[in-house]
């Protein structure tokens, strides 16, 4: 028999995988065929950010890395670079103390904005180091702003619809 905490973790790992798969599938559908569309947000990464800030046990690092790597392959990005930066960012954002669960949302949003900015700059630097063709800086800025605008929506959906809330105490983490 499986205990309640393990079952909840397994359910949320499955939900994370399901939502990442749906997001990737919806993005590759040929819905808009006009060239030059603005870049959309990286919803898989934002979902991992929102969940790891609330319930770090619901986002295992290996699963997040595999989801981001799969997205890299399907979106035809340089394989592994964005996924590696995402794994580093997720591990950086993972709260280490239980008192971090009381941080206000604006501070969390600012922290995500800084981490995402560093990810984009590191991505541009590494791609430039190896002379890989890149998007314009304006498109990168639009991508950054789209991610920042989408983050509160992802958080609201995660908390209200899926019930991914911060634990009140360390005892609740074990329940």
N, C-alpha and C. Protein backbone atom coordinates (compact mmCIF):
# COMPACT_ATOMS: atom_id res chain seq x y z
N UNK A 1 0.83 -1.18 0.00
CA UNK A 1 0.00 0.00 0.00
C UNK A 1 0.88 1.24 0.00
N UNK A 2 0.48 2.25 -0.74
CA UNK A 2 1.25 3.48 -0.85
C UNK A 2 0.71 4.52 0.13
N UNK A 3 1.61 5.26 0.78
CA UNK A 3 1.16 6.26 1.75
C UNK A 3 0.65 7.51 1.02
N UNK A 4 -0.03 8.38 1.75
CA UNK A 4 -0.68 9.56 1.17
C UNK A 4 0.28 10.54 0.52
N UNK A 5 1.43 10.79 1.17
CA UNK A 5 2.38 11.75 0.62
C UNK A 5 2.98 11.24 -0.68
N UNK A 6 3.34 9.97 -0.71
CA UNK A 6 3.91 9.41 -1.94
C UNK A 6 2.89 9.42 -3.08
N UNK A 7 1.64 9.15 -2.76
CA UNK A 7 0.59 9.18 -3.77
C UNK A 7 0.39 10.60 -4.30
N UNK A 8 0.38 11.60 -3.41
CA UNK A 8 0.24 12.99 -3.85
C UNK A 8 1.41 13.41 -4.72
N UNK A 9 2.62 13.02 -4.33
CA UNK A 9 3.79 13.35 -5.16
C UNK A 9 3.68 12.71 -6.53
N UNK A 10 3.30 11.46 -6.57
CA UNK A 10 3.18 10.75 -7.84
C UNK A 10 2.11 11.40 -8.72
N UNK A 11 1.00 11.79 -8.12
CA UNK A 11 -0.06 12.46 -8.88
C UNK A 11 0.44 13.79 -9.44
N UNK A 12 1.15 14.56 -8.63
CA UNK A 12 1.64 15.86 -9.10
C UNK A 12 2.77 15.71 -10.11
N UNK A 13 3.60 14.69 -9.99
CA UNK A 13 4.61 14.43 -11.02
C UNK A 13 3.93 14.11 -12.34
N UNK A 14 2.86 13.32 -12.26
CA UNK A 14 2.11 12.98 -13.48
C UNK A 14 1.42 14.21 -14.06
N UNK A 15 0.87 15.06 -13.20
CA UNK A 15 0.24 16.29 -13.68
C UNK A 15 1.25 17.23 -14.34
N UNK A 16 2.43 17.34 -13.75
CA UNK A 16 3.48 18.17 -14.34
C UNK A 16 3.86 17.65 -15.72
N UNK A 17 4.01 16.34 -15.83
CA UNK A 17 4.34 15.74 -17.12
C UNK A 17 3.21 15.93 -18.12
N UNK A 18 1.98 15.76 -17.68
CA UNK A 18 0.82 15.93 -18.56
C UNK A 18 0.72 17.35 -19.06
N UNK A 19 0.83 18.34 -18.17
CA UNK A 19 0.74 19.73 -18.59
C UNK A 19 1.90 20.14 -19.48
N UNK A 20 3.09 19.63 -19.20
CA UNK A 20 4.22 19.93 -20.08
C UNK A 20 3.97 19.33 -21.47
N UNK A 21 3.47 18.11 -21.51
CA UNK A 21 3.17 17.49 -22.81
C UNK A 21 2.10 18.23 -23.58
N UNK A 22 1.05 18.67 -22.88
CA UNK A 22 -0.02 19.43 -23.55
C UNK A 22 0.53 20.76 -24.06
N UNK A 23 1.35 21.42 -23.26
CA UNK A 23 1.94 22.70 -23.66
C UNK A 23 2.82 22.54 -24.88
N UNK A 24 3.66 21.53 -24.88
CA UNK A 24 4.54 21.30 -26.02
C UNK A 24 3.72 20.97 -27.26
N UNK A 25 2.71 20.13 -27.10
CA UNK A 25 1.86 19.74 -28.24
C UNK A 25 1.13 20.95 -28.81
N UNK A 26 0.57 21.80 -27.93
CA UNK A 26 -0.17 22.97 -28.40
C UNK A 26 0.75 23.96 -29.11
N UNK A 27 1.98 24.04 -28.69
CA UNK A 27 2.91 25.00 -29.31
C UNK A 27 3.36 24.54 -30.70
N UNK A 28 3.41 23.25 -30.93
CA UNK A 28 3.87 22.80 -32.25
C UNK A 28 2.74 22.66 -33.26
N UNK A 29 1.50 22.87 -32.81
CA UNK A 29 0.39 22.82 -33.77
C UNK A 29 0.49 23.99 -34.74
N UNK A 30 0.21 23.75 -36.02
CA UNK A 30 0.31 24.84 -37.01
C UNK A 30 -0.94 25.72 -37.01
N UNK A 31 -1.18 26.40 -35.90
CA UNK A 31 -2.38 27.22 -35.78
C UNK A 31 -2.20 28.55 -36.50
N UNK A 32 -1.07 29.21 -36.29
CA UNK A 32 -0.80 30.50 -36.92
C UNK A 32 0.32 30.31 -37.93
N UNK A 33 0.01 30.48 -39.18
CA UNK A 33 1.00 30.22 -40.23
C UNK A 33 1.69 31.48 -40.73
N UNK A 34 1.38 32.63 -40.17
CA UNK A 34 2.03 33.85 -40.65
C UNK A 34 3.44 33.95 -40.07
N UNK A 35 4.39 34.38 -40.88
CA UNK A 35 5.76 34.50 -40.38
C UNK A 35 5.92 35.73 -39.49
N UNK A 36 6.91 35.69 -38.65
CA UNK A 36 7.25 36.83 -37.84
C UNK A 36 6.41 37.02 -36.60
N UNK A 37 5.76 35.97 -36.12
CA UNK A 37 4.96 36.10 -34.90
C UNK A 37 5.88 36.29 -33.70
N UNK A 38 5.35 36.92 -32.67
CA UNK A 38 6.13 37.14 -31.46
C UNK A 38 6.35 35.84 -30.72
N UNK A 39 7.46 35.73 -30.02
CA UNK A 39 7.70 34.49 -29.25
C UNK A 39 6.77 34.42 -28.05
N UNK A 40 6.28 33.23 -27.80
CA UNK A 40 5.43 33.01 -26.64
C UNK A 40 6.26 32.66 -25.42
N UNK A 41 5.63 32.59 -24.27
CA UNK A 41 6.37 32.24 -23.06
C UNK A 41 6.73 30.76 -23.03
N UNK A 42 7.74 30.45 -22.25
CA UNK A 42 8.14 29.06 -22.04
C UNK A 42 7.32 28.52 -20.86
N UNK A 43 6.15 27.99 -21.15
CA UNK A 43 5.22 27.59 -20.11
C UNK A 43 5.72 26.39 -19.30
N UNK A 44 6.50 25.52 -19.91
CA UNK A 44 7.04 24.37 -19.17
C UNK A 44 7.99 24.87 -18.08
N UNK A 45 8.86 25.79 -18.43
CA UNK A 45 9.80 26.33 -17.46
C UNK A 45 9.06 27.13 -16.37
N UNK A 46 8.08 27.92 -16.77
CA UNK A 46 7.33 28.71 -15.79
C UNK A 46 6.54 27.82 -14.85
N UNK A 47 6.00 26.74 -15.36
CA UNK A 47 5.27 25.80 -14.51
C UNK A 47 6.22 25.17 -13.49
N UNK A 48 7.40 24.80 -13.94
CA UNK A 48 8.40 24.24 -13.01
C UNK A 48 8.80 25.28 -11.96
N UNK A 49 8.98 26.55 -12.39
CA UNK A 49 9.32 27.61 -11.44
C UNK A 49 8.23 27.78 -10.39
N UNK A 50 6.98 27.88 -10.85
CA UNK A 50 5.87 28.12 -9.92
C UNK A 50 5.72 26.96 -8.94
N UNK A 51 5.87 25.74 -9.41
CA UNK A 51 5.69 24.59 -8.54
C UNK A 51 6.85 24.43 -7.57
N UNK A 52 8.07 24.69 -8.03
CA UNK A 52 9.22 24.48 -7.15
C UNK A 52 9.25 25.55 -6.05
N UNK A 53 8.69 26.73 -6.31
CA UNK A 53 8.64 27.77 -5.28
C UNK A 53 7.59 27.43 -4.22
N UNK A 54 6.58 26.66 -4.58
CA UNK A 54 5.53 26.31 -3.63
C UNK A 54 5.76 24.95 -2.99
N UNK A 55 5.96 23.95 -3.79
CA UNK A 55 6.16 22.59 -3.27
C UNK A 55 7.37 21.98 -3.97
N UNK A 56 8.56 22.13 -3.42
CA UNK A 56 9.76 21.60 -4.06
C UNK A 56 9.72 20.08 -4.25
N UNK A 57 8.96 19.38 -3.41
CA UNK A 57 8.90 17.93 -3.54
C UNK A 57 8.05 17.50 -4.73
N UNK A 58 7.28 18.41 -5.33
CA UNK A 58 6.47 18.08 -6.50
C UNK A 58 7.24 18.23 -7.81
N UNK A 59 8.47 18.77 -7.75
CA UNK A 59 9.27 18.98 -8.97
C UNK A 59 10.64 18.32 -8.79
N UNK A 60 10.74 17.01 -9.07
CA UNK A 60 12.06 16.39 -9.00
C UNK A 60 12.94 16.93 -10.12
N UNK A 61 14.20 17.11 -9.81
CA UNK A 61 15.13 17.73 -10.75
C UNK A 61 15.28 16.92 -12.03
N UNK A 62 15.31 15.61 -11.92
CA UNK A 62 15.45 14.76 -13.10
C UNK A 62 14.25 14.89 -14.03
N UNK A 63 13.05 14.91 -13.46
CA UNK A 63 11.85 15.06 -14.27
C UNK A 63 11.82 16.41 -14.96
N UNK A 64 12.14 17.48 -14.23
CA UNK A 64 12.17 18.81 -14.83
C UNK A 64 13.20 18.88 -15.95
N UNK A 65 14.37 18.30 -15.72
CA UNK A 65 15.39 18.28 -16.76
C UNK A 65 14.96 17.52 -18.00
N UNK A 66 14.31 16.38 -17.80
CA UNK A 66 13.83 15.60 -18.95
C UNK A 66 12.74 16.34 -19.73
N UNK A 67 11.85 17.02 -19.01
CA UNK A 67 10.79 17.79 -19.69
C UNK A 67 11.38 18.95 -20.48
N UNK A 68 12.33 19.65 -19.89
CA UNK A 68 12.96 20.78 -20.60
C UNK A 68 13.81 20.30 -21.77
N UNK A 69 14.47 19.17 -21.62
CA UNK A 69 15.27 18.62 -22.72
C UNK A 69 14.37 18.15 -23.86
N UNK A 70 13.25 17.54 -23.53
CA UNK A 70 12.28 17.14 -24.55
C UNK A 70 11.77 18.36 -25.31
N UNK A 71 11.49 19.43 -24.57
CA UNK A 71 11.04 20.66 -25.23
C UNK A 71 12.13 21.21 -26.14
N UNK A 72 13.39 21.15 -25.71
CA UNK A 72 14.50 21.59 -26.56
C UNK A 72 14.53 20.82 -27.88
N UNK A 73 14.41 19.52 -27.79
CA UNK A 73 14.45 18.70 -29.01
C UNK A 73 13.26 18.99 -29.92
N UNK A 74 12.08 19.10 -29.35
CA UNK A 74 10.89 19.30 -30.18
C UNK A 74 10.86 20.71 -30.78
N UNK A 75 11.30 21.71 -30.03
CA UNK A 75 11.31 23.09 -30.53
C UNK A 75 12.52 23.37 -31.41
N UNK A 76 13.40 22.40 -31.55
CA UNK A 76 14.62 22.52 -32.35
C UNK A 76 15.55 23.63 -31.87
N UNK A 77 15.69 23.74 -30.55
CA UNK A 77 16.67 24.63 -29.95
C UNK A 77 17.99 23.88 -29.88
N UNK A 78 19.10 24.58 -29.62
CA UNK A 78 20.34 23.83 -29.38
C UNK A 78 20.12 22.87 -28.23
N UNK A 79 20.28 21.57 -28.47
CA UNK A 79 19.87 20.58 -27.47
C UNK A 79 20.66 20.67 -26.17
N UNK A 80 19.93 20.82 -25.10
CA UNK A 80 20.51 20.74 -23.78
C UNK A 80 20.90 22.05 -23.13
N UNK A 81 21.12 23.10 -23.91
CA UNK A 81 21.59 24.35 -23.31
C UNK A 81 20.50 25.00 -22.46
N UNK A 82 19.33 25.23 -23.04
CA UNK A 82 18.24 25.84 -22.29
C UNK A 82 17.78 24.92 -21.16
N UNK A 83 17.81 23.61 -21.41
CA UNK A 83 17.42 22.65 -20.37
C UNK A 83 18.41 22.70 -19.20
N UNK A 84 19.69 22.78 -19.50
CA UNK A 84 20.70 22.85 -18.43
C UNK A 84 20.57 24.15 -17.64
N UNK A 85 20.34 25.24 -18.34
CA UNK A 85 20.14 26.51 -17.64
C UNK A 85 18.86 26.46 -16.81
N UNK A 86 17.83 25.82 -17.33
CA UNK A 86 16.59 25.68 -16.58
C UNK A 86 16.75 24.84 -15.33
N UNK A 87 17.51 23.76 -15.43
CA UNK A 87 17.76 22.91 -14.25
C UNK A 87 18.54 23.68 -13.19
N UNK A 88 19.54 24.44 -13.62
CA UNK A 88 20.29 25.27 -12.67
C UNK A 88 19.39 26.31 -12.01
N UNK A 89 18.51 26.92 -12.80
CA UNK A 89 17.59 27.93 -12.26
C UNK A 89 16.59 27.30 -11.29
N UNK A 90 16.07 26.14 -11.64
CA UNK A 90 15.12 25.46 -10.76
C UNK A 90 15.79 25.10 -9.43
N UNK A 91 17.01 24.64 -9.50
CA UNK A 91 17.70 24.28 -8.27
C UNK A 91 18.04 25.53 -7.46
N UNK A 92 18.32 26.64 -8.14
CA UNK A 92 18.58 27.89 -7.43
C UNK A 92 17.32 28.41 -6.75
N UNK A 93 16.17 28.28 -7.41
CA UNK A 93 14.91 28.77 -6.87
C UNK A 93 14.32 27.87 -5.80
N UNK A 94 14.77 26.63 -5.74
CA UNK A 94 14.22 25.68 -4.76
C UNK A 94 14.50 26.19 -3.35
N UNK A 95 13.43 26.42 -2.57
CA UNK A 95 13.66 26.94 -1.21
C UNK A 95 14.31 25.87 -0.33
N UNK A 96 15.27 26.31 0.47
CA UNK A 96 15.99 25.38 1.34
C UNK A 96 15.46 25.37 2.76
N UNK A 97 14.74 26.43 3.13
CA UNK A 97 14.22 26.52 4.49
C UNK A 97 12.70 26.62 4.43
N UNK A 98 12.05 26.22 5.47
CA UNK A 98 10.60 26.27 5.53
C UNK A 98 10.12 27.72 5.69
N UNK A 99 10.97 28.64 6.28
CA UNK A 99 10.52 30.02 6.46
C UNK A 99 10.44 30.76 5.12
N UNK A 100 11.05 30.20 4.07
CA UNK A 100 10.96 30.83 2.76
C UNK A 100 9.57 30.68 2.17
N UNK A 101 8.74 29.83 2.78
CA UNK A 101 7.38 29.66 2.26
C UNK A 101 6.52 30.88 2.54
N UNK A 102 7.01 31.82 3.33
CA UNK A 102 6.23 33.00 3.67
C UNK A 102 6.63 34.22 2.87
N UNK A 103 7.42 34.05 1.82
CA UNK A 103 7.82 35.19 1.02
C UNK A 103 6.63 35.73 0.24
N UNK A 104 6.51 37.06 0.14
CA UNK A 104 5.40 37.63 -0.63
C UNK A 104 5.57 37.34 -2.12
N UNK A 105 4.44 37.38 -2.82
CA UNK A 105 4.48 37.03 -4.24
C UNK A 105 5.34 38.00 -5.05
N UNK A 106 5.33 39.29 -4.71
CA UNK A 106 6.12 40.26 -5.48
C UNK A 106 7.62 39.95 -5.39
N UNK A 107 8.06 39.52 -4.22
CA UNK A 107 9.47 39.14 -4.08
C UNK A 107 9.77 37.89 -4.91
N UNK A 108 8.84 36.94 -4.88
CA UNK A 108 9.00 35.72 -5.68
C UNK A 108 9.05 36.06 -7.17
N UNK A 109 8.17 36.93 -7.61
CA UNK A 109 8.12 37.34 -9.02
C UNK A 109 9.42 38.05 -9.41
N UNK A 110 9.94 38.89 -8.53
CA UNK A 110 11.21 39.57 -8.78
C UNK A 110 12.35 38.56 -8.87
N UNK A 111 12.34 37.57 -8.00
CA UNK A 111 13.38 36.54 -8.01
C UNK A 111 13.33 35.74 -9.31
N UNK A 112 12.13 35.38 -9.75
CA UNK A 112 11.97 34.67 -11.02
C UNK A 112 12.43 35.55 -12.17
N UNK A 113 12.12 36.84 -12.11
CA UNK A 113 12.54 37.76 -13.17
C UNK A 113 14.06 37.83 -13.27
N UNK A 114 14.73 37.91 -12.13
CA UNK A 114 16.19 37.94 -12.14
C UNK A 114 16.79 36.65 -12.68
N UNK A 115 16.27 35.53 -12.21
CA UNK A 115 16.80 34.24 -12.65
C UNK A 115 16.56 34.05 -14.16
N UNK A 116 15.37 34.41 -14.62
CA UNK A 116 15.07 34.28 -16.04
C UNK A 116 15.95 35.20 -16.88
N UNK A 117 16.20 36.42 -16.39
CA UNK A 117 17.09 37.34 -17.08
C UNK A 117 18.50 36.78 -17.19
N UNK A 118 19.00 36.21 -16.10
CA UNK A 118 20.33 35.61 -16.13
C UNK A 118 20.37 34.40 -17.07
N UNK A 119 19.27 33.64 -17.11
CA UNK A 119 19.21 32.50 -18.03
C UNK A 119 19.31 32.97 -19.48
N UNK A 120 18.58 34.01 -19.83
CA UNK A 120 18.60 34.51 -21.20
C UNK A 120 19.97 35.07 -21.55
N UNK A 121 20.58 35.82 -20.62
CA UNK A 121 21.91 36.36 -20.88
C UNK A 121 22.96 35.25 -21.01
N UNK A 122 22.88 34.25 -20.14
CA UNK A 122 23.82 33.13 -20.23
C UNK A 122 23.63 32.35 -21.53
N UNK A 123 22.38 32.17 -21.94
CA UNK A 123 22.08 31.48 -23.19
C UNK A 123 22.68 32.25 -24.36
N UNK A 124 22.48 33.58 -24.39
CA UNK A 124 23.04 34.39 -25.48
C UNK A 124 24.56 34.35 -25.46
N UNK A 125 25.16 34.42 -24.27
CA UNK A 125 26.62 34.40 -24.16
C UNK A 125 27.19 33.08 -24.67
N UNK A 126 26.61 31.97 -24.24
CA UNK A 126 27.13 30.66 -24.65
C UNK A 126 26.93 30.42 -26.14
N UNK A 127 25.76 30.80 -26.65
CA UNK A 127 25.54 30.65 -28.10
C UNK A 127 26.49 31.55 -28.89
N UNK A 128 26.74 32.76 -28.40
CA UNK A 128 27.68 33.67 -29.06
C UNK A 128 29.11 33.16 -28.98
N UNK A 129 29.45 32.50 -27.89
CA UNK A 129 30.79 31.95 -27.72
C UNK A 129 31.09 30.89 -28.78
N UNK A 130 30.05 30.12 -29.15
CA UNK A 130 30.23 29.08 -30.15
C UNK A 130 29.73 29.49 -31.53
N UNK A 131 29.48 30.78 -31.72
CA UNK A 131 29.08 31.36 -33.00
C UNK A 131 27.82 30.71 -33.58
N UNK A 132 26.87 30.42 -32.72
CA UNK A 132 25.59 29.88 -33.15
C UNK A 132 24.68 31.06 -33.50
N UNK A 133 23.99 31.01 -34.64
CA UNK A 133 23.09 32.12 -34.98
C UNK A 133 22.01 32.30 -33.91
N UNK A 134 21.70 33.57 -33.60
CA UNK A 134 20.76 33.88 -32.53
C UNK A 134 19.66 34.81 -33.03
N UNK A 135 18.59 34.87 -32.23
CA UNK A 135 17.52 35.82 -32.50
C UNK A 135 18.02 37.22 -32.15
N UNK A 136 17.29 38.21 -32.60
CA UNK A 136 17.66 39.59 -32.25
C UNK A 136 17.42 39.82 -30.76
N UNK A 137 18.06 40.82 -30.24
CA UNK A 137 17.92 41.14 -28.82
C UNK A 137 16.49 41.61 -28.52
N UNK A 138 15.84 42.21 -29.50
CA UNK A 138 14.45 42.64 -29.31
C UNK A 138 13.53 41.43 -29.10
N UNK A 139 13.73 40.38 -29.89
CA UNK A 139 12.93 39.17 -29.71
C UNK A 139 13.20 38.52 -28.36
N UNK A 140 14.43 38.54 -27.92
CA UNK A 140 14.77 38.01 -26.59
C UNK A 140 14.08 38.83 -25.50
N UNK A 141 14.03 40.15 -25.67
CA UNK A 141 13.37 41.01 -24.70
C UNK A 141 11.86 40.73 -24.68
N UNK A 142 11.27 40.54 -25.85
CA UNK A 142 9.84 40.21 -25.92
C UNK A 142 9.57 38.87 -25.25
N UNK A 143 10.45 37.89 -25.49
CA UNK A 143 10.34 36.58 -24.85
C UNK A 143 10.41 36.73 -23.33
N UNK A 144 11.32 37.56 -22.85
CA UNK A 144 11.47 37.80 -21.42
C UNK A 144 10.20 38.43 -20.84
N UNK A 145 9.68 39.44 -21.52
CA UNK A 145 8.48 40.12 -21.03
C UNK A 145 7.25 39.20 -21.08
N UNK A 146 7.15 38.38 -22.11
CA UNK A 146 6.03 37.44 -22.19
C UNK A 146 6.08 36.44 -21.03
N UNK A 147 7.27 35.99 -20.68
CA UNK A 147 7.42 35.07 -19.55
C UNK A 147 7.03 35.75 -18.24
N UNK A 148 7.48 37.00 -18.06
CA UNK A 148 7.15 37.70 -16.82
C UNK A 148 5.66 37.99 -16.72
N UNK A 149 5.03 38.28 -17.83
CA UNK A 149 3.59 38.55 -17.82
C UNK A 149 2.79 37.26 -17.58
N UNK A 150 3.31 36.14 -18.02
CA UNK A 150 2.60 34.87 -17.89
C UNK A 150 2.79 34.21 -16.54
N UNK A 151 3.84 34.57 -15.82
CA UNK A 151 4.13 33.89 -14.55
C UNK A 151 3.00 34.01 -13.53
N UNK A 152 2.41 35.21 -13.30
CA UNK A 152 1.30 35.26 -12.34
C UNK A 152 0.11 34.40 -12.75
N UNK A 153 -0.16 34.29 -14.03
CA UNK A 153 -1.27 33.46 -14.51
C UNK A 153 -0.98 32.00 -14.20
N UNK A 154 0.24 31.56 -14.43
CA UNK A 154 0.64 30.18 -14.13
C UNK A 154 0.51 29.92 -12.63
N UNK A 155 0.93 30.88 -11.81
CA UNK A 155 0.84 30.70 -10.36
C UNK A 155 -0.61 30.62 -9.91
N UNK A 156 -1.45 31.51 -10.41
CA UNK A 156 -2.86 31.48 -10.03
C UNK A 156 -3.51 30.16 -10.44
N UNK A 157 -3.21 29.71 -11.66
CA UNK A 157 -3.77 28.44 -12.12
C UNK A 157 -3.27 27.28 -11.26
N UNK A 158 -1.99 27.30 -10.92
CA UNK A 158 -1.42 26.22 -10.10
C UNK A 158 -2.04 26.18 -8.71
N UNK A 159 -2.22 27.34 -8.11
CA UNK A 159 -2.73 27.40 -6.75
C UNK A 159 -4.24 27.14 -6.71
N UNK A 160 -4.98 27.83 -7.56
CA UNK A 160 -6.45 27.75 -7.49
C UNK A 160 -7.01 26.47 -8.09
N UNK A 161 -6.48 26.07 -9.25
CA UNK A 161 -7.05 24.92 -9.95
C UNK A 161 -6.41 23.61 -9.48
N UNK A 162 -5.09 23.59 -9.36
CA UNK A 162 -4.40 22.34 -9.05
C UNK A 162 -4.06 22.18 -7.57
N UNK A 163 -4.22 23.22 -6.79
CA UNK A 163 -3.99 23.11 -5.35
C UNK A 163 -2.53 22.97 -4.96
N UNK A 164 -1.62 23.53 -5.73
CA UNK A 164 -0.20 23.48 -5.40
C UNK A 164 0.10 24.70 -4.53
N UNK A 165 -0.13 24.53 -3.22
CA UNK A 165 0.06 25.62 -2.26
C UNK A 165 1.32 25.37 -1.44
N UNK A 166 1.83 26.44 -0.88
CA UNK A 166 2.98 26.32 0.01
C UNK A 166 2.56 25.61 1.29
N UNK A 167 3.43 24.77 1.84
CA UNK A 167 3.09 24.13 3.12
C UNK A 167 3.17 25.16 4.25
N UNK A 168 2.32 24.98 5.22
CA UNK A 168 2.31 25.90 6.37
C UNK A 168 3.46 25.58 7.32
N UNK A 169 3.75 24.30 7.47
CA UNK A 169 4.82 23.91 8.39
C UNK A 169 5.54 22.69 7.82
N UNK A 170 6.61 22.33 8.50
CA UNK A 170 7.37 21.15 8.07
C UNK A 170 6.55 19.88 8.24
N UNK A 171 5.64 19.88 9.19
CA UNK A 171 4.78 18.70 9.39
C UNK A 171 3.84 18.50 8.20
N UNK A 172 3.40 19.60 7.57
CA UNK A 172 2.52 19.48 6.42
C UNK A 172 3.25 18.90 5.21
N UNK A 173 4.56 19.12 5.14
CA UNK A 173 5.34 18.52 4.05
C UNK A 173 5.33 17.01 4.14
N UNK A 174 5.24 16.49 5.36
CA UNK A 174 5.26 15.04 5.54
C UNK A 174 3.88 14.41 5.38
N UNK A 175 2.82 15.24 5.38
CA UNK A 175 1.46 14.70 5.24
C UNK A 175 1.15 14.35 3.81
